[in-house]
Amino acid sequence: MNRSLVAIVLSLIGLLAMGTGPAHAGGLPRNALAMDVVASANQALAALDQFAMTSDPAQYLEFRVDRDATAALAAVQLGYDVPSMVQAWSSTSIDHQRAVLAAMSQVGVPYRTNTSKEGVGFDCSGLTTYAWGRAGVTLVRQSGSQIKAAAPVDRSTAKAGDLVYYPGHVMMYLGVGDAIIHSVQTGRTVEIDTISGRKTGSVRFGDPAPA
């Protein structure tokens, strides 16, 4: 068993021992796996950066292991199918993968209005701006403008990393079901979450970096 999978198993054992209830049906308490998610996402990004500089196959393998571990943690957090989440992340473009991992590296960072600063704070569009900026894509700094500038995508074909929008709020899709990551609201943080049920009728999807 590789070190990333060991970390996932140990985290789950610890949470089960705590006896805490889920934030979503079948999932875990909000941000329960935040520390592991952040560590795994940062490891994946570092390995990808190293591969980009050196073309070392070992670094690309390390990236894949840590990317898949991060996807697995996101799935476990929400009570989603792990292989489906891993497949959704691995099958999208490298820019989408980098943007998703950048967002995941900020789980637990506080919501702050008009802020987009790593490790300090984000509002909703601040998080998507930061995440896509790590992939080399500049987004306009307002939720409605971001979705208008993105290429429209049907929900059935939306990919991990695509924007998800309902009036007044922008999120990042995680590629499976209703799974998203977003900076929620004042008093909350960057969280792995699901699209609010009452908002699903007005949700739009968009790709900031279409092929």
C-alpha atoms as a PDB file:
ATOM      1  CA  MET A   1       0.000   0.000   0.000  1.00  0.00           C
ATOM      2  CA  ASN A   2       1.486   3.394  -0.970  1.00  0.00           C
ATOM      3  CA  ARG A   3       1.963   6.202   1.560  1.00  0.00           C
ATOM      4  CA  SER A   4      -0.970   8.253   0.235  1.00  0.00           C
ATOM      5  CA  LEU A   5      -3.401   5.365   0.585  1.00  0.00           C
ATOM      6  CA  VAL A   6      -2.077   4.696   4.089  1.00  0.00           C
ATOM      7  CA  ALA A   7      -2.842   8.324   5.005  1.00  0.00           C
ATOM      8  CA  ILE A   8      -6.414   7.970   3.702  1.00  0.00           C
ATOM      9  CA  VAL A   9      -7.023   4.787   5.667  1.00  0.00           C
ATOM     10  CA  LEU A  10      -5.600   6.241   8.876  1.00  0.00           C
ATOM     11  CA  SER A  11      -7.740   9.354   8.496  1.00  0.00           C
ATOM     12  CA  LEU A  12     -10.887   7.282   8.072  1.00  0.00           C
ATOM     13  CA  ILE A  13     -10.067   5.138  11.094  1.00  0.00           C
ATOM     14  CA  GLY A  14      -9.590   8.261  13.207  1.00  0.00           C
ATOM     15  CA  LEU A  15     -12.846   9.826  12.064  1.00  0.00           C
ATOM     16  CA  LEU A  16     -14.826   6.651  12.675  1.00  0.00           C
ATOM     17  CA  ALA A  17     -13.397   6.524  16.187  1.00  0.00           C
ATOM     18  CA  MET A  18     -14.589  10.090  16.799  1.00  0.00           C
ATOM     19  CA  GLY A  19     -18.180   9.031  16.173  1.00  0.00           C
ATOM     20  CA  THR A  20     -19.108  12.337  14.526  1.00  0.00           C
ATOM     21  CA  GLY A  21     -21.988  12.629  12.081  1.00  0.00           C
ATOM     22  CA  PRO A  22     -21.788  13.395   8.352  1.00  0.00           C
ATOM     23  CA  ALA A  23     -22.231  16.807   6.757  1.00  0.00           C
ATOM     24  CA  HIS A  24     -23.920  15.091   3.793  1.00  0.00           C
ATOM     25  CA  ALA A  25     -25.672  11.746   3.535  1.00  0.00           C
ATOM     26  CA  GLY A  26     -22.952   9.134   3.304  1.00  0.00           C
ATOM     27  CA  GLY A  27     -20.191  11.692   3.796  1.00  0.00           C
ATOM     28  CA  LEU A  28     -18.072  13.000   6.642  1.00  0.00           C
ATOM     29  CA  PRO A  29     -18.247  16.129   8.818  1.00  0.00           C
ATOM     30  CA  ARG A  30     -17.420  19.350   6.996  1.00  0.00           C
ATOM     31  CA  ASN A  31     -13.700  19.612   6.125  1.00  0.00           C
ATOM     32  CA  ALA A  32     -12.998  16.465   8.173  1.00  0.00           C
ATOM     33  CA  LEU A  33     -10.154  15.501   5.842  1.00  0.00           C
ATOM     34  CA  ALA A  34      -8.870  19.033   5.267  1.00  0.00           C
ATOM     35  CA  MET A  35      -5.322  18.457   6.516  1.00  0.00           C
ATOM     36  CA  ASP A  36      -4.832  15.357   4.361  1.00  0.00           C
ATOM     37  CA  VAL A  37      -6.473  17.018   1.350  1.00  0.00           C
ATOM     38  CA  VAL A  38      -4.224  20.077   1.557  1.00  0.00           C
ATOM     39  CA  ALA A  39      -1.067  18.022   2.043  1.00  0.00           C
ATOM     40  CA  SER A  40      -1.886  15.666  -0.816  1.00  0.00           C
ATOM     41  CA  ALA A  41      -2.875  18.495  -3.192  1.00  0.00           C
ATOM     42  CA  ASN A  42       0.325  20.403  -2.438  1.00  0.00           C
ATOM     43  CA  GLN A  43       2.404  17.277  -3.015  1.00  0.00           C
ATOM     44  CA  ALA A  44       0.692  16.748  -6.366  1.00  0.00           C
ATOM     45  CA  LEU A  45       1.291  20.347  -7.444  1.00  0.00           C
ATOM     46  CA  ALA A  46       4.941  20.217  -6.392  1.00  0.00           C
ATOM     47  CA  ALA A  47       5.492  16.995  -8.347  1.00  0.00           C
ATOM     48  CA  LEU A  48       3.765  18.449 -11.412  1.00  0.00           C
ATOM     49  CA  ASP A  49       5.944  21.565 -11.218  1.00  0.00           C
ATOM     50  CA  GLN A  50       9.048  19.380 -10.970  1.00  0.00           C
ATOM     51  CA  PHE A  51       7.955  17.316 -13.942  1.00  0.00           C
ATOM     52  CA  ALA A  52       7.361  20.479 -15.989  1.00  0.00           C
ATOM     53  CA  MET A  53      10.930  21.600 -15.244  1.00  0.00           C
ATOM     54  CA  THR A  54      12.752  18.275 -15.554  1.00  0.00           C
ATOM     55  CA  SER A  55      10.561  15.902 -17.636  1.00  0.00           C
ATOM     56  CA  ASP A  56      11.468  13.271 -15.046  1.00  0.00           C
ATOM     57  CA  PRO A  57       8.990  10.359 -15.378  1.00  0.00           C
ATOM     58  CA  ALA A  58       9.328   9.629 -11.660  1.00  0.00           C
ATOM     59  CA  GLN A  59       7.945  13.097 -10.892  1.00  0.00           C
ATOM     60  CA  TYR A  60       4.993  12.519 -13.197  1.00  0.00           C
ATOM     61  CA  LEU A  61       4.285   9.211 -11.461  1.00  0.00           C
ATOM     62  CA  GLU A  62       4.451  10.990  -8.093  1.00  0.00           C
ATOM     63  CA  PHE A  63       2.025  13.601  -9.419  1.00  0.00           C
ATOM     64  CA  ARG A  64      -0.437  10.914 -10.490  1.00  0.00           C
ATOM     65  CA  VAL A  65      -0.276   9.118  -7.149  1.00  0.00           C
ATOM     66  CA  ASP A  66      -0.880  12.320  -5.170  1.00  0.00           C
ATOM     67  CA  ARG A  67      -3.560  13.593  -7.588  1.00  0.00           C
ATOM     68  CA  ASP A  68      -5.450  10.313  -7.282  1.00  0.00           C
ATOM     69  CA  ALA A  69      -5.074  10.370  -3.498  1.00  0.00           C
ATOM     70  CA  THR A  70      -6.522  13.891  -3.384  1.00  0.00           C
ATOM     71  CA  ALA A  71      -9.445  12.843  -5.567  1.00  0.00           C
ATOM     72  CA  ALA A  72     -10.032   9.821  -3.328  1.00  0.00           C
ATOM     73  CA  LEU A  73     -10.071  12.032  -0.238  1.00  0.00           C
ATOM     74  CA  ALA A  74     -12.610  14.362  -1.879  1.00  0.00           C
ATOM     75  CA  ALA A  75     -14.819  11.381  -2.694  1.00  0.00           C
ATOM     76  CA  VAL A  76     -14.586  10.002   0.837  1.00  0.00           C
ATOM     77  CA  GLN A  77     -15.370  13.443   2.278  1.00  0.00           C
ATOM     78  CA  LEU A  78     -18.628  13.541   0.332  1.00  0.00           C
ATOM     79  CA  GLY A  79     -19.509   9.846   0.435  1.00  0.00           C
ATOM     80  CA  TYR A  80     -19.030   9.565  -3.334  1.00  0.00           C
ATOM     81  CA  ASP A  81     -17.625   6.654  -5.329  1.00  0.00           C
ATOM     82  CA  VAL A  82     -13.810   6.851  -5.178  1.00  0.00           C
ATOM     83  CA  PRO A  83     -12.990   5.299  -8.606  1.00  0.00           C
ATOM     84  CA  SER A  84     -15.458   7.676 -10.304  1.00  0.00           C
ATOM     85  CA  MET A  85     -13.836  10.738  -8.726  1.00  0.00           C
ATOM     86  CA  VAL A  86     -10.324   9.526  -9.559  1.00  0.00           C
ATOM     87  CA  GLN A  87     -11.365   8.874 -13.169  1.00  0.00           C
ATOM     88  CA  ALA A  88     -13.044  12.278 -13.475  1.00  0.00           C
ATOM     89  CA  TRP A  89      -9.873  14.085 -12.430  1.00  0.00           C
ATOM     90  CA  SER A  90      -7.437  12.004 -14.445  1.00  0.00           C
ATOM     91  CA  SER A  91      -9.442  12.265 -17.664  1.00  0.00           C
ATOM     92  CA  THR A  92      -9.589  16.062 -17.845  1.00  0.00           C
ATOM     93  CA  SER A  93      -6.872  18.395 -19.205  1.00  0.00           C
ATOM     94  CA  ILE A  94      -3.709  19.056 -17.237  1.00  0.00           C
ATOM     95  CA  ASP A  95      -4.783  22.698 -16.799  1.00  0.00           C
ATOM     96  CA  HIS A  96      -8.079  21.550 -15.286  1.00  0.00           C
ATOM     97  CA  GLN A  97      -6.210  19.140 -13.025  1.00  0.00           C
ATOM     98  CA  ARG A  98      -3.834  21.863 -11.864  1.00  0.00           C
ATOM     99  CA  ALA A  99      -6.721  24.254 -11.173  1.00  0.00           C
ATOM    100  CA  VAL A 100      -8.630  21.655  -9.147  1.00  0.00           C
ATOM    101  CA  LEU A 101      -5.540  20.763  -7.119  1.00  0.00           C
ATOM    102  CA  ALA A 102      -4.792  24.448  -6.493  1.00  0.00           C
ATOM    103  CA  ALA A 103      -8.302  24.923  -5.108  1.00  0.00           C
ATOM    104  CA  MET A 104      -7.963  21.780  -2.996  1.00  0.00           C
ATOM    105  CA  SER A 105      -4.705  23.087  -1.547  1.00  0.00           C
ATOM    106  CA  GLN A 106      -6.721  25.893   0.073  1.00  0.00           C
ATOM    107  CA  VAL A 107      -9.379  23.813   1.853  1.00  0.00           C
ATOM    108  CA  GLY A 108      -9.976  25.302   5.286  1.00  0.00           C
ATOM    109  CA  VAL A 109      -8.780  28.812   4.388  1.00  0.00           C
ATOM    110  CA  PRO A 110     -11.316  31.379   5.667  1.00  0.00           C
ATOM    111  CA  TYR A 111     -13.853  33.176   3.501  1.00  0.00           C
ATOM    112  CA  ARG A 112     -12.905  36.831   3.139  1.00  0.00           C
ATOM    113  CA  THR A 113     -14.767  39.339   1.011  1.00  0.00           C
ATOM    114  CA  ASN A 114     -12.833  40.829  -1.913  1.00  0.00           C
ATOM    115  CA  THR A 115      -9.834  38.615  -1.162  1.00  0.00           C
ATOM    116  CA  SER A 116      -7.864  36.149  -3.248  1.00  0.00           C
ATOM    117  CA  LYS A 117      -4.726  35.346  -1.275  1.00  0.00           C
ATOM    118  CA  GLU A 118      -3.188  31.917  -0.785  1.00  0.00           C
ATOM    119  CA  GLY A 119      -3.439  30.728   2.800  1.00  0.00           C
ATOM    120  CA  VAL A 120      -5.112  33.954   3.921  1.00  0.00           C
ATOM    121  CA  GLY A 121      -8.618  34.209   2.504  1.00  0.00           C
ATOM    122  CA  PHE A 122     -10.901  33.985  -0.515  1.00  0.00           C
ATOM    123  CA  ASP A 123     -14.362  34.985  -1.547  1.00  0.00           C
ATOM    124  CA  CYS A 124     -16.051  32.732  -4.107  1.00  0.00           C
ATOM    125  CA  SER A 125     -14.597  34.306  -7.250  1.00  0.00           C
ATOM    126  CA  GLY A 126     -11.313  34.873  -5.445  1.00  0.00           C
ATOM    127  CA  LEU A 127     -10.895  31.113  -5.089  1.00  0.00           C
ATOM    128  CA  THR A 128     -11.643  30.366  -8.743  1.00  0.00           C
ATOM    129  CA  THR A 129      -9.376  33.237  -9.811  1.00  0.00           C
ATOM    130  CA  TYR A 130      -6.551  31.844  -7.674  1.00  0.00           C
ATOM    131  CA  ALA A 131      -7.040  28.232  -8.770  1.00  0.00           C
ATOM    132  CA  TRP A 132      -7.156  28.965 -12.484  1.00  0.00           C
ATOM    133  CA  GLY A 133      -4.306  31.455 -12.092  1.00  0.00           C
ATOM    134  CA  ARG A 134      -2.145  28.559 -10.886  1.00  0.00           C
ATOM    135  CA  ALA A 135      -2.946  26.913 -14.224  1.00  0.00           C
ATOM    136  CA  GLY A 136      -1.887  30.044 -16.132  1.00  0.00           C
ATOM    137  CA  VAL A 137      -5.421  31.199 -16.925  1.00  0.00           C
ATOM    138  CA  THR A 138      -6.499  34.712 -15.909  1.00  0.00           C
ATOM    139  CA  LEU A 139     -10.134  35.077 -14.864  1.00  0.00           C
ATOM    140  CA  VAL A 140     -12.018  38.320 -14.429  1.00  0.00           C
ATOM    141  CA  ARG A 141     -12.608  39.027 -10.753  1.00  0.00           C
ATOM    142  CA  GLN A 142     -16.399  38.703 -10.393  1.00  0.00           C
ATOM    143  CA  SER A 143     -18.601  35.606 -10.327  1.00  0.00           C
ATOM    144  CA  GLY A 144     -21.107  36.638 -12.998  1.00  0.00           C
ATOM    145  CA  SER A 145     -18.375  37.887 -15.296  1.00  0.00           C
ATOM    146  CA  GLN A 146     -16.418  34.648 -14.865  1.00  0.00           C
ATOM    147  CA  ILE A 147     -19.281  32.439 -16.039  1.00  0.00           C
ATOM    148  CA  LYS A 148     -20.087  34.811 -18.924  1.00  0.00           C
ATOM    149  CA  ALA A 149     -16.473  34.659 -20.135  1.00  0.00           C
ATOM    150  CA  ALA A 150     -16.306  30.847 -19.855  1.00  0.00           C
ATOM    151  CA  ALA A 151     -17.370  28.567 -22.712  1.00  0.00           C
ATOM    152  CA  PRO A 152     -20.860  27.239 -21.870  1.00  0.00           C
ATOM    153  CA  VAL A 153     -20.860  23.561 -20.946  1.00  0.00           C
ATOM    154  CA  ASP A 154     -23.780  21.169 -20.564  1.00  0.00           C
ATOM    155  CA  ARG A 155     -23.961  19.620 -17.119  1.00  0.00           C
ATOM    156  CA  SER A 156     -23.705  16.127 -18.614  1.00  0.00           C
ATOM    157  CA  THR A 157     -20.327  16.951 -20.193  1.00  0.00           C
ATOM    158  CA  ALA A 158     -18.891  19.220 -17.469  1.00  0.00           C
ATOM    159  CA  LYS A 159     -15.371  18.323 -16.352  1.00  0.00           C
ATOM    160  CA  ALA A 160     -13.472  18.551 -13.100  1.00  0.00           C
ATOM    161  CA  GLY A 161     -12.229  22.143 -12.910  1.00  0.00           C
ATOM    162  CA  ASP A 162     -15.096  23.724 -14.819  1.00  0.00           C
ATOM    163  CA  LEU A 163     -16.911  26.634 -13.210  1.00  0.00           C
ATOM    164  CA  VAL A 164     -20.316  26.114 -11.612  1.00  0.00           C
ATOM    165  CA  TYR A 165     -22.471  29.186 -11.122  1.00  0.00           C
ATOM    166  CA  TYR A 166     -25.771  30.188  -9.677  1.00  0.00           C
ATOM    167  CA  PRO A 167     -26.727  33.865  -9.298  1.00  0.00           C
ATOM    168  CA  GLY A 168     -24.278  35.505  -6.922  1.00  0.00           C
ATOM    169  CA  HIS A 169     -21.969  32.542  -6.406  1.00  0.00           C
ATOM    170  CA  VAL A 170     -19.299  30.697  -8.397  1.00  0.00           C
ATOM    171  CA  MET A 171     -17.795  27.314  -7.559  1.00  0.00           C
ATOM    172  CA  MET A 172     -15.506  24.719  -9.148  1.00  0.00           C
ATOM    173  CA  TYR A 173     -16.872  21.371 -10.296  1.00  0.00           C
ATOM    174  CA  LEU A 174     -15.199  18.171  -9.129  1.00  0.00           C
ATOM    175  CA  GLY A 175     -16.439  16.093 -12.047  1.00  0.00           C
ATOM    176  CA  VAL A 176     -18.917  13.746 -10.343  1.00  0.00           C
ATOM    177  CA  GLY A 177     -22.554  14.251  -9.366  1.00  0.00           C
ATOM    178  CA  ASP A 178     -23.064  17.500  -7.447  1.00  0.00           C
ATOM    179  CA  ALA A 179     -19.506  17.616  -6.053  1.00  0.00           C
ATOM    180  CA  ILE A 180     -17.876  21.041  -5.945  1.00  0.00           C
ATOM    181  CA  ILE A 181     -15.276  23.043  -4.059  1.00  0.00           C
ATOM    182  CA  HIS A 182     -15.991  26.651  -3.142  1.00  0.00           C
ATOM    183  CA  SER A 183     -15.366  29.450  -0.703  1.00  0.00           C
ATOM    184  CA  VAL A 184     -18.732  29.498   0.956  1.00  0.00           C
ATOM    185  CA  GLN A 185     -19.630  32.642   2.886  1.00  0.00           C
ATOM    186  CA  THR A 186     -18.653  34.816   5.847  1.00  0.00           C
ATOM    187  CA  GLY A 187     -17.925  32.631   8.843  1.00  0.00           C
ATOM    188  CA  ARG A 188     -17.125  29.602   6.682  1.00  0.00           C
ATOM    189  CA  THR A 189     -14.099  28.471   4.682  1.00  0.00           C
ATOM    190  CA  VAL A 190     -13.002  26.881   1.421  1.00  0.00           C
ATOM    191  CA  GLU A 191     -14.904  23.603   1.497  1.00  0.00           C
ATOM    192  CA  ILE A 192     -15.453  20.407  -0.463  1.00  0.00           C
ATOM    193  CA  ASP A 193     -19.210  20.399  -0.797  1.00  0.00           C
ATOM    194  CA  THR A 194     -22.201  19.704  -3.034  1.00  0.00           C
ATOM    195  CA  ILE A 195     -24.366  22.070  -5.048  1.00  0.00           C
ATOM    196  CA  SER A 196     -27.229  23.246  -2.875  1.00  0.00           C
ATOM    197  CA  GLY A 197     -30.410  21.366  -3.798  1.00  0.00           C
ATOM    198  CA  ARG A 198     -32.562  24.459  -3.916  1.00  0.00           C
ATOM    199  CA  LYS A 199     -30.176  26.061  -6.419  1.00  0.00           C
ATOM    200  CA  THR A 200     -29.807  23.222  -8.925  1.00  0.00           C
ATOM    201  CA  GLY A 201     -32.451  24.579 -11.308  1.00  0.00           C
ATOM    202  CA  SER A 202     -30.503  27.791 -11.920  1.00  0.00           C
ATOM    203  CA  VAL A 203     -26.997  26.303 -12.099  1.00  0.00           C
ATOM    204  CA  ARG A 204     -24.775  27.020 -15.101  1.00  0.00           C
ATOM    205  CA  PHE A 205     -21.494  25.350 -16.050  1.00  0.00           C
ATOM    206  CA  GLY A 206     -18.596  26.893 -17.983  1.00  0.00           C
ATOM    207  CA  ASP A 207     -15.087  25.977 -19.091  1.00  0.00           C
ATOM    208  CA  PRO A 208     -12.520  28.765 -18.531  1.00  0.00           C
ATOM    209  CA  ALA A 209      -9.946  27.015 -20.735  1.00  0.00           C
ATOM    210  CA  PRO A 210     -11.652  25.072 -23.553  1.00  0.00           C
ATOM    211  CA  ALA A 211      -9.355  22.962 -25.723  1.00  0.00           C
END
